[in-house]
Amino acid sequence: MNIFYYNGSFDGASLRGLNDFEQVRNAIIVAKCEGLPFRGRPKDMANDVIAHILNRTSSEVGLFPVIMESHSGSDSHGEYTTKVIFQAVF
């Protein structure tokens, strides 16, 4: 599943036909940011992605990110993340 961020904000996802929580559980999710980076740590970006997915699937069940890979750093404005790959576990 691919998630897209533009200038640090959620922009869209390849969620067509995604309406069932079971399709998300244990899925490998790749979130990439174009333009300005997402402000926060990789875990913050992964949690933001999960919040958008759960909102889309109307699920109140908790998912937690298990981060497999991330691209992040810090600058004069604080921590940022440009890419995170994680598994959404139940």
PDB file of N, CA and C in Angstrom:
ATOM      1  N   MET A   1       0.847  -1.156   0.000  1.00  0.00           N
ATOM      2  CA  MET A   1       0.000   0.000   0.000  1.00  0.00           C
ATOM      3  C   MET A   1       0.900   1.228   0.000  1.00  0.00           C
ATOM      4  N   ASN A   2       0.643   2.165  -0.895  1.00  0.00           N
ATOM      5  CA  ASN A   2       1.438   3.381  -1.008  1.00  0.00           C
ATOM      6  C   ASN A   2       0.640   4.583  -0.531  1.00  0.00           C
ATOM      7  N   ILE A   3       1.265   5.397   0.292  1.00  0.00           N
ATOM      8  CA  ILE A   3       0.661   6.601   0.839  1.00  0.00           C
ATOM      9  C   ILE A   3       1.502   7.785   0.379  1.00  0.00           C
ATOM     10  N   PHE A   4       0.850   8.874   0.006  1.00  0.00           N
ATOM     11  CA  PHE A   4       1.556  10.028  -0.520  1.00  0.00           C
ATOM     12  C   PHE A   4       1.330  11.258   0.350  1.00  0.00           C
ATOM     13  N   TYR A   5       2.412  11.957   0.637  1.00  0.00           N
ATOM     14  CA  TYR A   5       2.374  13.221   1.358  1.00  0.00           C
ATOM     15  C   TYR A   5       2.949  14.288   0.435  1.00  0.00           C
ATOM     16  N   TYR A   6       2.372  15.459   0.465  1.00  0.00           N
ATOM     17  CA  TYR A   6       2.888  16.579  -0.310  1.00  0.00           C
ATOM     18  C   TYR A   6       3.078  17.758   0.626  1.00  0.00           C
ATOM     19  N   ASN A   7       4.276  18.301   0.648  1.00  0.00           N
ATOM     20  CA  ASN A   7       4.627  19.418   1.533  1.00  0.00           C
ATOM     21  C   ASN A   7       4.268  19.134   2.981  1.00  0.00           C
ATOM     22  N   GLY A   8       4.526  17.912   3.415  1.00  0.00           N
ATOM     23  CA  GLY A   8       4.359  17.554   4.815  1.00  0.00           C
ATOM     24  C   GLY A   8       2.977  17.145   5.234  1.00  0.00           C
ATOM     25  N   SER A   9       2.007  17.159   4.311  1.00  0.00           N
ATOM     26  CA  SER A   9       0.619  16.819   4.657  1.00  0.00           C
ATOM     27  C   SER A   9       0.123  15.644   3.832  1.00  0.00           C
ATOM     28  N   PHE A  10      -0.778  14.860   4.411  1.00  0.00           N
ATOM     29  CA  PHE A  10      -1.374  13.723   3.722  1.00  0.00           C
ATOM     30  C   PHE A  10      -2.012  14.208   2.427  1.00  0.00           C
ATOM     31  N   ASP A  11      -1.686  13.551   1.325  1.00  0.00           N
ATOM     32  CA  ASP A  11      -2.198  13.967   0.017  1.00  0.00           C
ATOM     33  C   ASP A  11      -3.071  12.902  -0.618  1.00  0.00           C
ATOM     34  N   GLY A  12      -2.808  11.655  -0.372  1.00  0.00           N
ATOM     35  CA  GLY A  12      -3.603  10.609  -0.982  1.00  0.00           C
ATOM     36  C   GLY A  12      -2.995   9.243  -0.751  1.00  0.00           C
ATOM     37  N   ALA A  13      -3.699   8.253  -1.253  1.00  0.00           N
ATOM     38  CA  ALA A  13      -3.246   6.883  -1.050  1.00  0.00           C
ATOM     39  C   ALA A  13      -3.808   5.995  -2.133  1.00  0.00           C
ATOM     40  N   SER A  14      -3.193   4.844  -2.280  1.00  0.00           N
ATOM     41  CA  SER A  14      -3.718   3.838  -3.199  1.00  0.00           C
ATOM     42  C   SER A  14      -4.708   2.972  -2.416  1.00  0.00           C
ATOM     43  N   LEU A  15      -5.807   3.588  -2.007  1.00  0.00           N
ATOM     44  CA  LEU A  15      -6.793   2.910  -1.165  1.00  0.00           C
ATOM     45  C   LEU A  15      -8.059   2.533  -1.936  1.00  0.00           C
ATOM     46  N   ARG A  16      -8.011   2.514  -3.242  1.00  0.00           N
ATOM     47  CA  ARG A  16      -9.200   2.184  -4.023  1.00  0.00           C
ATOM     48  C   ARG A  16      -9.728   0.811  -3.622  1.00  0.00           C
ATOM     49  N   GLY A  17     -11.009   0.785  -3.325  1.00  0.00           N
ATOM     50  CA  GLY A  17     -11.634  -0.469  -2.948  1.00  0.00           C
ATOM     51  C   GLY A  17     -11.327  -0.895  -1.528  1.00  0.00           C
ATOM     52  N   LEU A  18     -10.578  -0.090  -0.805  1.00  0.00           N
ATOM     53  CA  LEU A  18     -10.212  -0.442   0.561  1.00  0.00           C
ATOM     54  C   LEU A  18     -11.330  -0.005   1.502  1.00  0.00           C
ATOM     55  N   ASN A  19     -12.062  -0.959   1.995  1.00  0.00           N
ATOM     56  CA  ASN A  19     -13.145  -0.636   2.924  1.00  0.00           C
ATOM     57  C   ASN A  19     -13.228  -1.646   4.051  1.00  0.00           C
ATOM     58  N   ASP A  20     -12.240  -2.506   4.141  1.00  0.00           N
ATOM     59  CA  ASP A  20     -12.266  -3.562   5.132  1.00  0.00           C
ATOM     60  C   ASP A  20     -10.988  -3.517   5.962  1.00  0.00           C
ATOM     61  N   PHE A  21     -11.147  -3.525   7.254  1.00  0.00           N
ATOM     62  CA  PHE A  21     -10.004  -3.502   8.163  1.00  0.00           C
ATOM     63  C   PHE A  21      -9.056  -4.665   7.903  1.00  0.00           C
ATOM     64  N   GLU A  22      -9.593  -5.817   7.525  1.00  0.00           N
ATOM     65  CA  GLU A  22      -8.752  -7.002   7.304  1.00  0.00           C
ATOM     66  C   GLU A  22      -7.749  -6.784   6.178  1.00  0.00           C
ATOM     67  N   GLN A  23      -8.037  -5.873   5.250  1.00  0.00           N
ATOM     68  CA  GLN A  23      -7.100  -5.591   4.166  1.00  0.00           C
ATOM     69  C   GLN A  23      -5.900  -4.788   4.652  1.00  0.00           C
ATOM     70  N   VAL A  24      -6.042  -4.123   5.778  1.00  0.00           N
ATOM     71  CA  VAL A  24      -4.980  -3.272   6.300  1.00  0.00           C
ATOM     72  C   VAL A  24      -4.123  -4.013   7.318  1.00  0.00           C
ATOM     73  N   ARG A  25      -4.742  -4.880   8.090  1.00  0.00           N
ATOM     74  CA  ARG A  25      -4.018  -5.585   9.143  1.00  0.00           C
ATOM     75  C   ARG A  25      -2.835  -6.347   8.563  1.00  0.00           C
ATOM     76  N   ASN A  26      -1.668  -6.135   9.111  1.00  0.00           N
ATOM     77  CA  ASN A  26      -0.405  -6.759   8.707  1.00  0.00           C
ATOM     78  C   ASN A  26       0.090  -6.333   7.324  1.00  0.00           C
ATOM     79  N   ALA A  27      -0.509  -5.304   6.737  1.00  0.00           N
ATOM     80  CA  ALA A  27      -0.070  -4.822   5.432  1.00  0.00           C
ATOM     81  C   ALA A  27       1.258  -4.078   5.565  1.00  0.00           C
ATOM     82  N   ILE A  28       2.067  -4.157   4.521  1.00  0.00           N
ATOM     83  CA  ILE A  28       3.284  -3.360   4.440  1.00  0.00           C
ATOM     84  C   ILE A  28       2.885  -2.034   3.781  1.00  0.00           C
ATOM     85  N   ILE A  29       3.190  -0.942   4.458  1.00  0.00           N
ATOM     86  CA  ILE A  29       2.770   0.377   3.997  1.00  0.00           C
ATOM     87  C   ILE A  29       4.011   1.225   3.740  1.00  0.00           C
ATOM     88  N   VAL A  30       4.031   1.877   2.573  1.00  0.00           N
ATOM     89  CA  VAL A  30       5.128   2.765   2.194  1.00  0.00           C
ATOM     90  C   VAL A  30       4.552   4.179   2.114  1.00  0.00           C
ATOM     91  N   ALA A  31       5.067   5.076   2.944  1.00  0.00           N
ATOM     92  CA  ALA A  31       4.631   6.474   2.931  1.00  0.00           C
ATOM     93  C   ALA A  31       5.802   7.337   2.491  1.00  0.00           C
ATOM     94  N   LYS A  32       5.585   8.131   1.430  1.00  0.00           N
ATOM     95  CA  LYS A  32       6.626   8.998   0.892  1.00  0.00           C
ATOM     96  C   LYS A  32       6.131  10.440   0.887  1.00  0.00           C
ATOM     97  N   CYS A  33       7.061  11.340   1.084  1.00  0.00           N
ATOM     98  CA  CYS A  33       6.743  12.760   1.122  1.00  0.00           C
ATOM     99  C   CYS A  33       7.473  13.472  -0.010  1.00  0.00           C
ATOM    100  N   GLU A  34       6.752  14.277  -0.788  1.00  0.00           N
ATOM    101  CA  GLU A  34       7.354  15.101  -1.829  1.00  0.00           C
ATOM    102  C   GLU A  34       7.251  16.552  -1.404  1.00  0.00           C
ATOM    103  N   GLY A  35       8.181  17.354  -1.853  1.00  0.00           N
ATOM    104  CA  GLY A  35       8.195  18.755  -1.456  1.00  0.00           C
ATOM    105  C   GLY A  35       8.772  18.876  -0.060  1.00  0.00           C
ATOM    106  N   LEU A  36       8.149  19.679   0.767  1.00  0.00           N
ATOM    107  CA  LEU A  36       8.600  19.827   2.147  1.00  0.00           C
ATOM    108  C   LEU A  36       8.395  18.520   2.900  1.00  0.00           C
ATOM    109  N   PRO A  37       9.273  18.190   3.833  1.00  0.00           N
ATOM    110  CA  PRO A  37       9.133  16.917   4.561  1.00  0.00           C
ATOM    111  C   PRO A  37       8.041  16.969   5.616  1.00  0.00           C
ATOM    112  N   PHE A  38       7.641  15.794   6.062  1.00  0.00           N
ATOM    113  CA  PHE A  38       6.713  15.659   7.185  1.00  0.00           C
ATOM    114  C   PHE A  38       7.481  16.049   8.442  1.00  0.00           C
ATOM    115  N   ARG A  39       6.902  16.908   9.250  1.00  0.00           N
ATOM    116  CA  ARG A  39       7.557  17.350  10.484  1.00  0.00           C
ATOM    117  C   ARG A  39       7.243  16.384  11.605  1.00  0.00           C
ATOM    118  N   GLY A  40       8.264  15.666  12.038  1.00  0.00           N
ATOM    119  CA  GLY A  40       8.131  14.696  13.105  1.00  0.00           C
ATOM    120  C   GLY A  40       9.008  13.496  12.842  1.00  0.00           C
ATOM    121  N   ARG A  41       9.012  12.597  13.797  1.00  0.00           N
ATOM    122  CA  ARG A  41       9.810  11.381  13.704  1.00  0.00           C
ATOM    123  C   ARG A  41       9.111  10.357  12.799  1.00  0.00           C
ATOM    124  N   PRO A  42       9.820   9.314  12.363  1.00  0.00           N
ATOM    125  CA  PRO A  42       9.187   8.265  11.555  1.00  0.00           C
ATOM    126  C   PRO A  42       7.949   7.667  12.223  1.00  0.00           C
ATOM    127  N   LYS A  43       8.014   7.457  13.543  1.00  0.00           N
ATOM    128  CA  LYS A  43       6.858   6.901  14.251  1.00  0.00           C
ATOM    129  C   LYS A  43       5.661   7.850  14.170  1.00  0.00           C
ATOM    130  N   ASP A  44       5.905   9.156  14.225  1.00  0.00           N
ATOM    131  CA  ASP A  44       4.824  10.136  14.110  1.00  0.00           C
ATOM    132  C   ASP A  44       4.163  10.057  12.738  1.00  0.00           C
ATOM    133  N   MET A  45       4.982   9.929  11.693  1.00  0.00           N
ATOM    134  CA  MET A  45       4.439   9.835  10.334  1.00  0.00           C
ATOM    135  C   MET A  45       3.644   8.545  10.169  1.00  0.00           C
ATOM    136  N   ALA A  46       4.170   7.433  10.686  1.00  0.00           N
ATOM    137  CA  ALA A  46       3.464   6.153  10.592  1.00  0.00           C
ATOM    138  C   ALA A  46       2.132   6.216  11.332  1.00  0.00           C
ATOM    139  N   ASN A  47       2.104   6.831  12.505  1.00  0.00           N
ATOM    140  CA  ASN A  47       0.846   6.973  13.252  1.00  0.00           C
ATOM    141  C   ASN A  47      -0.144   7.860  12.508  1.00  0.00           C
ATOM    142  N   ASP A  48       0.345   8.890  11.817  1.00  0.00           N
ATOM    143  CA  ASP A  48      -0.522   9.759  11.022  1.00  0.00           C
ATOM    144  C   ASP A  48      -1.139   8.970   9.864  1.00  0.00           C
ATOM    145  N   VAL A  49      -0.327   8.139   9.222  1.00  0.00           N
ATOM    146  CA  VAL A  49      -0.825   7.291   8.134  1.00  0.00           C
ATOM    147  C   VAL A  49      -1.926   6.365   8.654  1.00  0.00           C
ATOM    148  N   ILE A  50      -1.671   5.713   9.770  1.00  0.00           N
ATOM    149  CA  ILE A  50      -2.660   4.785  10.339  1.00  0.00           C
ATOM    150  C   ILE A  50      -3.951   5.514  10.664  1.00  0.00           C
ATOM    151  N   ALA A  51      -3.866   6.720  11.195  1.00  0.00           N
ATOM    152  CA  ALA A  51      -5.068   7.493  11.513  1.00  0.00           C
ATOM    153  C   ALA A  51      -5.893   7.761  10.255  1.00  0.00           C
ATOM    154  N   HIS A  52      -5.233   8.096   9.148  1.00  0.00           N
ATOM    155  CA  HIS A  52      -5.952   8.337   7.888  1.00  0.00           C
ATOM    156  C   HIS A  52      -6.587   7.055   7.362  1.00  0.00           C
ATOM    157  N   ILE A  53      -5.877   5.941   7.477  1.00  0.00           N
ATOM    158  CA  ILE A  53      -6.409   4.658   7.001  1.00  0.00           C
ATOM    159  C   ILE A  53      -7.609   4.230   7.835  1.00  0.00           C
ATOM    160  N   LEU A  54      -7.489   4.317   9.152  1.00  0.00           N
ATOM    161  CA  LEU A  54      -8.603   3.917  10.011  1.00  0.00           C
ATOM    162  C   LEU A  54      -9.815   4.807   9.794  1.00  0.00           C
ATOM    163  N   ASN A  55      -9.588   6.080   9.505  1.00  0.00           N
ATOM    164  CA  ASN A  55     -10.693   6.978   9.195  1.00  0.00           C
ATOM    165  C   ASN A  55     -11.384   6.538   7.913  1.00  0.00           C
ATOM    166  N   ARG A  56     -10.598   6.133   6.931  1.00  0.00           N
ATOM    167  CA  ARG A  56     -11.139   5.689   5.637  1.00  0.00           C
ATOM    168  C   ARG A  56     -11.931   4.378   5.774  1.00  0.00           C
ATOM    169  N   THR A  57     -11.436   3.471   6.617  1.00  0.00           N
ATOM    170  CA  THR A  57     -12.095   2.169   6.769  1.00  0.00           C
ATOM    171  C   THR A  57     -13.147   2.179   7.872  1.00  0.00           C
ATOM    172  N   SER A  58     -13.332   3.316   8.525  1.00  0.00           N
ATOM    173  CA  SER A  58     -14.311   3.458   9.611  1.00  0.00           C
ATOM    174  C   SER A  58     -14.093   2.409  10.696  1.00  0.00           C
ATOM    175  N   SER A  59     -12.856   2.154  11.002  1.00  0.00           N
ATOM    176  CA  SER A  59     -12.525   1.159  12.015  1.00  0.00           C
ATOM    177  C   SER A  59     -12.071   1.848  13.288  1.00  0.00           C
ATOM    178  N   GLU A  60     -12.471   1.293  14.408  1.00  0.00           N
ATOM    179  CA  GLU A  60     -12.031   1.812  15.692  1.00  0.00           C
ATOM    180  C   GLU A  60     -11.020   0.875  16.348  1.00  0.00           C
ATOM    181  N   VAL A  61     -10.590  -0.131  15.612  1.00  0.00           N
ATOM    182  CA  VAL A  61      -9.619  -1.092  16.118  1.00  0.00           C
ATOM    183  C   VAL A  61      -8.232  -0.486  16.009  1.00  0.00           C
ATOM    184  N   GLY A  62      -7.408  -0.716  17.003  1.00  0.00           N
ATOM    185  CA  GLY A  62      -6.072  -0.141  17.012  1.00  0.00           C
ATOM    186  C   GLY A  62      -5.070  -0.904  16.178  1.00  0.00           C
ATOM    187  N   LEU A  63      -4.291  -0.174  15.425  1.00  0.00           N
ATOM    188  CA  LEU A  63      -3.152  -0.719  14.690  1.00  0.00           C
ATOM    189  C   LEU A  63      -1.908  -0.002  15.186  1.00  0.00           C
ATOM    190  N   PHE A  64      -0.793  -0.708  15.181  1.00  0.00           N
ATOM    191  CA  PHE A  64       0.460  -0.127  15.621  1.00  0.00           C
ATOM    192  C   PHE A  64       1.504  -0.315  14.531  1.00  0.00           C
ATOM    193  N   PRO A  65       2.341   0.699  14.288  1.00  0.00           N
ATOM    194  CA  PRO A  65       3.350   0.565  13.239  1.00  0.00           C
ATOM    195  C   PRO A  65       4.613  -0.130  13.735  1.00  0.00           C
ATOM    196  N   VAL A  66       5.077  -1.090  12.957  1.00  0.00           N
ATOM    197  CA  VAL A  66       6.383  -1.703  13.191  1.00  0.00           C
ATOM    198  C   VAL A  66       7.257  -1.208  12.038  1.00  0.00           C
ATOM    199  N   ILE A  67       8.112  -0.253  12.345  1.00  0.00           N
ATOM    200  CA  ILE A  67       8.889   0.419  11.312  1.00  0.00           C
ATOM    201  C   ILE A  67      10.017  -0.484  10.832  1.00  0.00           C
ATOM    202  N   MET A  68      10.086  -0.623   9.501  1.00  0.00           N
ATOM    203  CA  MET A  68      11.096  -1.464   8.871  1.00  0.00           C
ATOM    204  C   MET A  68      12.232  -0.622   8.284  1.00  0.00           C
ATOM    205  N   GLU A  69      11.888   0.550   7.778  1.00  0.00           N
ATOM    206  CA  GLU A  69      12.882   1.433   7.163  1.00  0.00           C
ATOM    207  C   GLU A  69      12.358   2.862   7.230  1.00  0.00           C
ATOM    208  N   SER A  70      13.257   3.809   7.400  1.00  0.00           N
ATOM    209  CA  SER A  70      12.831   5.203   7.392  1.00  0.00           C
ATOM    210  C   SER A  70      13.966   6.103   6.914  1.00  0.00           C
ATOM    211  N   HIS A  71      13.586   7.244   6.393  1.00  0.00           N
ATOM    212  CA  HIS A  71      14.528   8.278   5.980  1.00  0.00           C
ATOM    213  C   HIS A  71      14.125   9.535   6.741  1.00  0.00           C
ATOM    214  N   SER A  72      14.967   9.952   7.658  1.00  0.00           N
ATOM    215  CA  SER A  72      14.618  11.101   8.487  1.00  0.00           C
ATOM    216  C   SER A  72      15.880  11.847   8.872  1.00  0.00           C
ATOM    217  N   GLY A  73      15.680  12.969   9.526  1.00  0.00           N
ATOM    218  CA  GLY A  73      16.808  13.770   9.973  1.00  0.00           C
ATOM    219  C   GLY A  73      16.318  14.919  10.827  1.00  0.00           C
ATOM    220  N   SER A  74      17.182  15.879  11.038  1.00  0.00           N
ATOM    221  CA  SER A  74      16.786  17.069  11.783  1.00  0.00           C
ATOM    222  C   SER A  74      17.481  18.279  11.169  1.00  0.00           C
ATOM    223  N   ASP A  75      16.822  19.415  11.313  1.00  0.00           N
ATOM    224  CA  ASP A  75      17.372  20.675  10.842  1.00  0.00           C
ATOM    225  C   ASP A  75      17.024  21.758  11.849  1.00  0.00           C
ATOM    226  N   SER A  76      17.143  22.999  11.454  1.00  0.00           N
ATOM    227  CA  SER A  76      16.897  24.102  12.387  1.00  0.00           C
ATOM    228  C   SER A  76      15.433  24.183  12.838  1.00  0.00           C
ATOM    229  N   HIS A  77      14.523  23.504  12.125  1.00  0.00           N
ATOM    230  CA  HIS A  77      13.100  23.505  12.476  1.00  0.00           C
ATOM    231  C   HIS A  77      12.698  22.280  13.291  1.00  0.00           C
ATOM    232  N   GLY A  78      13.623  21.371  13.521  1.00  0.00           N
ATOM    233  CA  GLY A  78      13.344  20.163  14.297  1.00  0.00           C
ATOM    234  C   GLY A  78      13.477  18.904  13.466  1.00  0.00           C
ATOM    235  N   GLU A  79      12.855  17.837  13.931  1.00  0.00           N
ATOM    236  CA  GLU A  79      12.950  16.544  13.250  1.00  0.00           C
ATOM    237  C   GLU A  79      11.989  16.490  12.064  1.00  0.00           C
ATOM    238  N   TYR A  80      12.391  15.719  11.048  1.00  0.00           N
ATOM    239  CA  TYR A  80      11.545  15.536   9.871  1.00  0.00           C
ATOM    240  C   TYR A  80      11.700  14.126   9.339  1.00  0.00           C
ATOM    241  N   THR A  81      10.717  13.713   8.538  1.00  0.00           N
ATOM    242  CA  THR A  81      10.735  12.396   7.902  1.00  0.00           C
ATOM    243  C   THR A  81      10.317  12.558   6.457  1.00  0.00           C
ATOM    244  N   THR A  82      11.026  11.885   5.539  1.00  0.00           N
ATOM    245  CA  THR A  82      10.669  11.936   4.126  1.00  0.00           C
ATOM    246  C   THR A  82      10.095  10.614   3.622  1.00  0.00           C
ATOM    247  N   LYS A  83      10.402   9.513   4.322  1.00  0.00           N
ATOM    248  CA  LYS A  83       9.887   8.210   3.891  1.00  0.00           C
ATOM    249  C   LYS A  83       9.880   7.267   5.083  1.00  0.00           C
ATOM    250  N   VAL A  84       8.827   6.463   5.159  1.00  0.00           N
ATOM    251  CA  VAL A  84       8.772   5.440   6.194  1.00  0.00           C
ATOM    252  C   VAL A  84       8.088   4.199   5.607  1.00  0.00           C
ATOM    253  N   ILE A  85       8.670   3.057   5.870  1.00  0.00           N
ATOM    254  CA  ILE A  85       8.086   1.778   5.468  1.00  0.00           C
ATOM    255  C   ILE A  85       7.821   1.009   6.744  1.00  0.00           C
ATOM    256  N   PHE A  86       6.574   0.569   6.931  1.00  0.00           N
ATOM    257  CA  PHE A  86       6.219  -0.112   8.160  1.00  0.00           C
ATOM    258  C   PHE A  86       5.126  -1.143   7.928  1.00  0.00           C
ATOM    259  N   GLN A  87       4.960  -2.007   8.910  1.00  0.00           N
ATOM    260  CA  GLN A  87       3.889  -2.986   8.875  1.00  0.00           C
ATOM    261  C   GLN A  87       2.871  -2.570   9.931  1.00  0.00           C
ATOM    262  N   ALA A  88       1.598  -2.566   9.544  1.00  0.00           N
ATOM    263  CA  ALA A  88       0.525  -2.197  10.462  1.00  0.00           C
ATOM    264  C   ALA A  88       0.057  -3.460  11.174  1.00  0.00           C
ATOM    265  N   VAL A  89       0.395  -3.604  12.439  1.00  0.00           N
ATOM    266  CA  VAL A  89       0.040  -4.813  13.185  1.00  0.00           C
ATOM    267  C   VAL A  89      -1.096  -4.535  14.157  1.00  0.00           C
ATOM    268  N   PHE A  90      -1.842  -5.577  14.441  1.00  0.00           N
ATOM    269  CA  PHE A  90      -3.017  -5.497  15.298  1.00  0.00           C
ATOM    270  C   PHE A  90      -2.631  -5.680  16.729  1.00  0.00           C
TER     271      PHE A  90
END
